[in-house]
Amino acid sequence: MRTLTEDQVELGSALPELSIDLTPTVVVSTALATMDFTPVHHDVERARAQGSKDIFLNILTTMGLVERYVTDWAGPAAIIRRINVKLGVPAYAGDRLSFTGTIVSRAAGELTVEVRGKVSLGDHATGTITLTLPTAP
């Protein structure tokens, strides 16, 4: 797997889109993998009893997917320096989560990528990730 270098990245460039189908298995397994046993992430009836239309992604999964989106693009030698993400609408089972991103700043050896994760209801996660890339040899 390759890692981008600083000279391969231009300000304003868009990252390739990543879409993930949020099957019930994905929602439940990622909640369990993060040791989140809150019923709204794995029990449809309990989620509905609390006012949700279905089970939904937990915060740890959302953050992991945001990070995955950027590091899959940047490569394994990229180093995440800061993550600042705001949660929006729930990401329910049966929906599709689509990530887009744009490089919005480049200064002092760091890149900042603006990321948006959307579902059918609107923005699920928006924010920025700041990272460093290796320099070209």
C-alpha atoms as a PDB file:
ATOM      1  CA  MET A   1       0.000   0.000   0.000  1.00  0.00           C
ATOM      2  CA  ARG A   2       1.367   3.389  -0.927  1.00  0.00           C
ATOM      3  CA  THR A   3       1.430   6.543   1.167  1.00  0.00           C
ATOM      4  CA  LEU A   4       1.021   9.957  -0.397  1.00  0.00           C
ATOM      5  CA  THR A   5       3.835  12.448   0.025  1.00  0.00           C
ATOM      6  CA  GLU A   6       3.446  16.179   0.623  1.00  0.00           C
ATOM      7  CA  ASP A   7       4.316  17.023  -2.989  1.00  0.00           C
ATOM      8  CA  GLN A   8       1.490  14.805  -4.311  1.00  0.00           C
ATOM      9  CA  VAL A   9      -1.266  16.780  -2.588  1.00  0.00           C
ATOM     10  CA  GLU A  10      -2.799  20.046  -3.777  1.00  0.00           C
ATOM     11  CA  LEU A  11      -4.890  22.502  -1.806  1.00  0.00           C
ATOM     12  CA  GLY A  12      -8.548  22.222  -2.836  1.00  0.00           C
ATOM     13  CA  SER A  13      -8.230  18.640  -4.087  1.00  0.00           C
ATOM     14  CA  ALA A  14     -11.120  16.314  -3.415  1.00  0.00           C
ATOM     15  CA  LEU A  15     -10.689  12.896  -1.857  1.00  0.00           C
ATOM     16  CA  PRO A  16     -12.438   9.984  -3.576  1.00  0.00           C
ATOM     17  CA  GLU A  17     -15.887   9.232  -2.165  1.00  0.00           C
ATOM     18  CA  LEU A  18     -16.359   6.249   0.138  1.00  0.00           C
ATOM     19  CA  SER A  19     -19.823   4.737   0.633  1.00  0.00           C
ATOM     20  CA  ILE A  20     -20.670   2.149   3.255  1.00  0.00           C
ATOM     21  CA  ASP A  21     -23.934   0.215   3.417  1.00  0.00           C
ATOM     22  CA  LEU A  22     -25.082   0.256   7.023  1.00  0.00           C
ATOM     23  CA  THR A  23     -26.536  -3.207   7.257  1.00  0.00           C
ATOM     24  CA  PRO A  24     -27.876  -4.292  10.641  1.00  0.00           C
ATOM     25  CA  THR A  25     -24.831  -6.571  10.918  1.00  0.00           C
ATOM     26  CA  VAL A  26     -22.475  -3.622  10.413  1.00  0.00           C
ATOM     27  CA  VAL A  27     -24.285  -1.508  13.026  1.00  0.00           C
ATOM     28  CA  VAL A  28     -24.440  -4.279  15.636  1.00  0.00           C
ATOM     29  CA  SER A  29     -20.958  -5.707  15.067  1.00  0.00           C
ATOM     30  CA  THR A  30     -19.230  -2.335  15.238  1.00  0.00           C
ATOM     31  CA  ALA A  31     -21.084  -1.431  18.452  1.00  0.00           C
ATOM     32  CA  LEU A  32     -20.032  -4.731  19.995  1.00  0.00           C
ATOM     33  CA  ALA A  33     -16.463  -4.347  18.701  1.00  0.00           C
ATOM     34  CA  THR A  34     -16.225  -1.025  20.550  1.00  0.00           C
ATOM     35  CA  MET A  35     -17.786  -2.631  23.655  1.00  0.00           C
ATOM     36  CA  ASP A  36     -20.836  -0.393  23.437  1.00  0.00           C
ATOM     37  CA  PHE A  37     -23.696  -2.497  24.738  1.00  0.00           C
ATOM     38  CA  THR A  38     -26.253   0.336  24.763  1.00  0.00           C
ATOM     39  CA  PRO A  39     -29.484  -1.213  23.415  1.00  0.00           C
ATOM     40  CA  VAL A  40     -30.101   1.496  20.763  1.00  0.00           C
ATOM     41  CA  HIS A  41     -27.139   0.075  18.832  1.00  0.00           C
ATOM     42  CA  HIS A  42     -28.286  -3.560  18.697  1.00  0.00           C
ATOM     43  CA  ASP A  43     -31.914  -3.957  19.800  1.00  0.00           C
ATOM     44  CA  VAL A  44     -34.478  -2.601  17.309  1.00  0.00           C
ATOM     45  CA  GLU A  45     -37.416  -2.729  19.716  1.00  0.00           C
ATOM     46  CA  ARG A  46     -35.533  -0.916  22.486  1.00  0.00           C
ATOM     47  CA  ALA A  47     -34.294   1.691  20.000  1.00  0.00           C
ATOM     48  CA  ARG A  48     -37.861   2.312  18.823  1.00  0.00           C
ATOM     49  CA  ALA A  49     -39.107   2.466  22.412  1.00  0.00           C
ATOM     50  CA  GLN A  50     -36.672   5.355  22.928  1.00  0.00           C
ATOM     51  CA  GLY A  51     -37.946   7.238  19.874  1.00  0.00           C
ATOM     52  CA  SER A  52     -35.556   6.058  17.130  1.00  0.00           C
ATOM     53  CA  LYS A  53     -36.733   4.556  13.878  1.00  0.00           C
ATOM     54  CA  ASP A  54     -34.121   1.769  14.079  1.00  0.00           C
ATOM     55  CA  ILE A  55     -30.737   0.871  15.561  1.00  0.00           C
ATOM     56  CA  PHE A  56     -27.973   3.340  14.678  1.00  0.00           C
ATOM     57  CA  LEU A  57     -24.174   3.712  14.606  1.00  0.00           C
ATOM     58  CA  ASN A  58     -22.424   4.577  17.829  1.00  0.00           C
ATOM     59  CA  ILE A  59     -20.011   7.489  18.194  1.00  0.00           C
ATOM     60  CA  LEU A  60     -16.876   5.336  18.317  1.00  0.00           C
ATOM     61  CA  THR A  61     -17.783   3.682  15.029  1.00  0.00           C
ATOM     62  CA  THR A  62     -18.468   7.017  13.374  1.00  0.00           C
ATOM     63  CA  MET A  63     -15.102   8.383  14.518  1.00  0.00           C
ATOM     64  CA  GLY A  64     -13.332   5.244  13.335  1.00  0.00           C
ATOM     65  CA  LEU A  65     -14.965   5.485   9.921  1.00  0.00           C
ATOM     66  CA  VAL A  66     -14.025   9.160   9.577  1.00  0.00           C
ATOM     67  CA  GLU A  67     -10.414   8.308  10.380  1.00  0.00           C
ATOM     68  CA  ARG A  68     -10.483   5.291   8.057  1.00  0.00           C
ATOM     69  CA  TYR A  69     -11.767   7.468   5.218  1.00  0.00           C
ATOM     70  CA  VAL A  70      -8.807   9.832   5.446  1.00  0.00           C
ATOM     71  CA  THR A  71      -6.108   7.239   6.162  1.00  0.00           C
ATOM     72  CA  ASP A  72      -7.275   4.947   3.343  1.00  0.00           C
ATOM     73  CA  TRP A  73      -6.702   7.909   1.013  1.00  0.00           C
ATOM     74  CA  ALA A  74      -3.445   9.123   2.578  1.00  0.00           C
ATOM     75  CA  GLY A  75      -1.785   5.764   3.228  1.00  0.00           C
ATOM     76  CA  PRO A  76      -0.298   3.923   6.207  1.00  0.00           C
ATOM     77  CA  ALA A  77       2.585   6.334   6.885  1.00  0.00           C
ATOM     78  CA  ALA A  78       0.245   9.314   7.350  1.00  0.00           C
ATOM     79  CA  ILE A  79       0.060  10.543  10.939  1.00  0.00           C
ATOM     80  CA  ILE A  80      -3.198  11.935  12.274  1.00  0.00           C
ATOM     81  CA  ARG A  81      -2.514  15.000  14.440  1.00  0.00           C
ATOM     82  CA  ARG A  82      -6.028  16.268  15.229  1.00  0.00           C
ATOM     83  CA  ILE A  83      -9.628  15.218  14.677  1.00  0.00           C
ATOM     84  CA  ASN A  84     -12.511  17.625  15.177  1.00  0.00           C
ATOM     85  CA  VAL A  85     -15.865  16.090  14.274  1.00  0.00           C
ATOM     86  CA  LYS A  86     -19.419  17.208  14.953  1.00  0.00           C
ATOM     87  CA  LEU A  87     -22.212  14.633  14.914  1.00  0.00           C
ATOM     88  CA  GLY A  88     -25.458  15.373  13.109  1.00  0.00           C
ATOM     89  CA  VAL A  89     -28.376  13.127  12.212  1.00  0.00           C
ATOM     90  CA  PRO A  90     -28.370   9.434  13.195  1.00  0.00           C
ATOM     91  CA  ALA A  91     -26.947   6.844  10.794  1.00  0.00           C
ATOM     92  CA  TYR A  92     -29.623   4.142  10.902  1.00  0.00           C
ATOM     93  CA  ALA A  93     -29.324   0.516   9.859  1.00  0.00           C
ATOM     94  CA  GLY A  94     -30.477   0.104   6.270  1.00  0.00           C
ATOM     95  CA  ASP A  95     -29.061   3.444   5.160  1.00  0.00           C
ATOM     96  CA  ARG A  96     -25.843   4.237   3.291  1.00  0.00           C
ATOM     97  CA  LEU A  97     -23.104   6.444   4.779  1.00  0.00           C
ATOM     98  CA  SER A  98     -21.149   8.339   2.108  1.00  0.00           C
ATOM     99  CA  PHE A  99     -17.966  10.246   2.876  1.00  0.00           C
ATOM    100  CA  THR A 100     -16.520  13.116   0.886  1.00  0.00           C
ATOM    101  CA  GLY A 101     -13.523  15.275   1.673  1.00  0.00           C
ATOM    102  CA  THR A 102     -11.507  18.239   0.499  1.00  0.00           C
ATOM    103  CA  ILE A 103      -8.031  19.464   1.390  1.00  0.00           C
ATOM    104  CA  VAL A 104      -8.725  22.881   2.914  1.00  0.00           C
ATOM    105  CA  SER A 105      -5.336  23.941   4.271  1.00  0.00           C
ATOM    106  CA  ARG A 106      -1.664  23.164   4.048  1.00  0.00           C
ATOM    107  CA  ALA A 107       0.737  24.810   6.479  1.00  0.00           C
ATOM    108  CA  ALA A 108       3.854  23.967   8.486  1.00  0.00           C
ATOM    109  CA  GLY A 109       3.971  20.419   7.130  1.00  0.00           C
ATOM    110  CA  GLU A 110       0.361  19.645   8.060  1.00  0.00           C
ATOM    111  CA  LEU A 111      -2.681  19.101   5.859  1.00  0.00           C
ATOM    112  CA  THR A 112      -6.238  19.699   6.986  1.00  0.00           C
ATOM    113  CA  VAL A 113      -8.993  17.719   5.318  1.00  0.00           C
ATOM    114  CA  GLU A 114     -12.616  18.766   5.662  1.00  0.00           C
ATOM    115  CA  VAL A 115     -14.776  15.639   5.857  1.00  0.00           C
ATOM    116  CA  ARG A 116     -18.521  15.133   5.481  1.00  0.00           C
ATOM    117  CA  GLY A 117     -20.355  11.860   6.118  1.00  0.00           C
ATOM    118  CA  LYS A 118     -23.919  11.945   4.773  1.00  0.00           C
ATOM    119  CA  VAL A 119     -26.888   9.612   5.108  1.00  0.00           C
ATOM    120  CA  SER A 120     -30.385   9.957   3.635  1.00  0.00           C
ATOM    121  CA  LEU A 121     -31.453  12.274   6.490  1.00  0.00           C
ATOM    122  CA  GLY A 122     -28.521  14.667   5.954  1.00  0.00           C
ATOM    123  CA  ASP A 123     -25.102  15.179   7.524  1.00  0.00           C
ATOM    124  CA  HIS A 124     -24.195  12.453  10.001  1.00  0.00           C
ATOM    125  CA  ALA A 125     -20.657  13.704  10.697  1.00  0.00           C
ATOM    126  CA  THR A 126     -18.811  16.854   9.634  1.00  0.00           C
ATOM    127  CA  GLY A 127     -15.425  18.126  10.628  1.00  0.00           C
ATOM    128  CA  THR A 128     -11.726  18.266   9.962  1.00  0.00           C
ATOM    129  CA  ILE A 129      -8.775  15.942  10.261  1.00  0.00           C
ATOM    130  CA  THR A 130      -5.256  17.350  10.376  1.00  0.00           C
ATOM    131  CA  LEU A 131      -2.437  15.022   9.380  1.00  0.00           C
ATOM    132  CA  THR A 132       1.158  14.906   8.251  1.00  0.00           C
ATOM    133  CA  LEU A 133       2.519  13.045   5.261  1.00  0.00           C
ATOM    134  CA  PRO A 134       6.076  11.988   4.606  1.00  0.00           C
ATOM    135  CA  THR A 135       8.223  14.198   2.375  1.00  0.00           C
ATOM    136  CA  ALA A 136       9.323  12.918  -1.018  1.00  0.00           C
ATOM    137  CA  PRO A 137      12.677  11.115  -0.967  1.00  0.00           C
END
